[in-house]
Protein backbone atom coordinates (compact mmCIF):
# COMPACT_ATOMS: atom_id res chain seq x y z
CA MET A 1 135.56 58.79 122.73
CA ILE A 2 133.02 58.35 125.50
CA TYR A 3 131.51 61.31 127.34
CA HIS A 4 128.52 62.20 129.50
CA ILE A 5 126.67 65.50 129.72
CA GLU A 6 124.62 66.49 132.76
CA GLU A 7 122.14 68.79 131.04
CA ALA A 8 120.82 69.29 127.52
CA GLY A 9 122.49 71.99 125.47
CA ASP A 10 125.07 72.81 122.84
CA VAL A 11 128.09 70.51 122.87
CA ARG A 12 131.41 71.28 121.20
CA LEU A 13 134.42 69.03 120.80
CA ARG A 14 137.46 70.68 119.25
CA ILE A 15 141.09 69.73 118.75
CA TYR A 16 143.86 72.32 119.08
CA ASN A 17 147.59 72.21 118.42
CA LEU A 18 149.93 73.12 121.26
CA SER A 19 150.04 76.74 120.03
CA GLY A 20 146.31 76.98 120.72
CA ARG A 21 145.26 77.01 117.06
CA LEU A 22 142.05 75.15 116.25
CA VAL A 23 142.92 72.29 113.88
CA LYS A 24 139.64 70.32 113.83
CA GLU A 25 136.07 70.77 115.00
CA VAL A 26 134.77 67.28 115.71
CA LEU A 27 131.34 68.10 117.12
CA ASN A 28 129.15 71.20 117.37
CA GLN A 29 125.50 70.36 118.01
CA SER A 30 122.71 70.37 120.55
CA GLN A 31 122.40 67.15 122.56
CA SER A 32 120.16 65.80 125.30
CA LYS A 33 121.38 64.86 128.77
CA GLY A 34 123.10 61.46 128.84
CA GLY A 35 126.08 59.40 127.73
CA TYR A 36 127.51 59.34 124.23
CA THR A 37 130.15 57.47 122.25
CA ILE A 38 131.65 58.98 119.10
CA ASN A 39 134.39 57.95 116.71
CA VAL A 40 136.81 60.80 116.07
CA ASP A 41 138.25 60.96 112.54
CA LEU A 42 141.84 62.14 112.89
CA THR A 43 142.50 62.10 109.14
CA GLY A 44 144.63 65.05 108.13
CA LEU A 45 146.32 65.51 111.51
CA ASN A 46 150.05 64.86 111.70
CA SER A 47 151.66 62.77 114.42
CA GLY A 48 152.25 64.79 117.55
CA ASN A 49 150.68 66.29 120.64
CA TYR A 50 147.34 68.06 120.66
CA ILE A 51 144.74 69.23 123.17
CA TYR A 52 141.08 68.32 122.86
CA ARG A 53 138.41 70.38 124.56
CA LEU A 54 134.84 69.30 125.32
CA GLU A 55 132.49 72.18 126.16
CA THR A 56 128.82 72.21 127.11
CA GLY A 57 126.88 74.81 129.06
CA ASN A 58 128.92 75.67 132.15
CA TYR A 59 131.22 72.63 131.78
CA SER A 60 134.57 72.50 130.01
CA LYS A 61 137.23 69.81 130.01
CA ALA A 62 140.59 69.80 128.19
CA LYS A 63 142.96 66.84 127.90
CA LYS A 64 146.11 65.94 126.03
CA LEU A 65 145.82 63.90 122.83
CA VAL A 66 148.81 62.09 121.34
CA ILE A 67 148.65 60.93 117.72
CA LYS A 68 151.29 58.41 116.69
């Protein structure tokens, strides 16, 4: 996954099932402003549809994730 943050701060990347239950916390740390690339380990998650949410400061983005 590739992402960019506009200002330094705490960054969280979490994966939820479609019921809204947290199933995996991928990232929870302070980061500097800039672009990042991370490999997300999906071990332990069943095939299906999920939502991932990236949060930092005043920014939040959620997108669909399909695991086959």
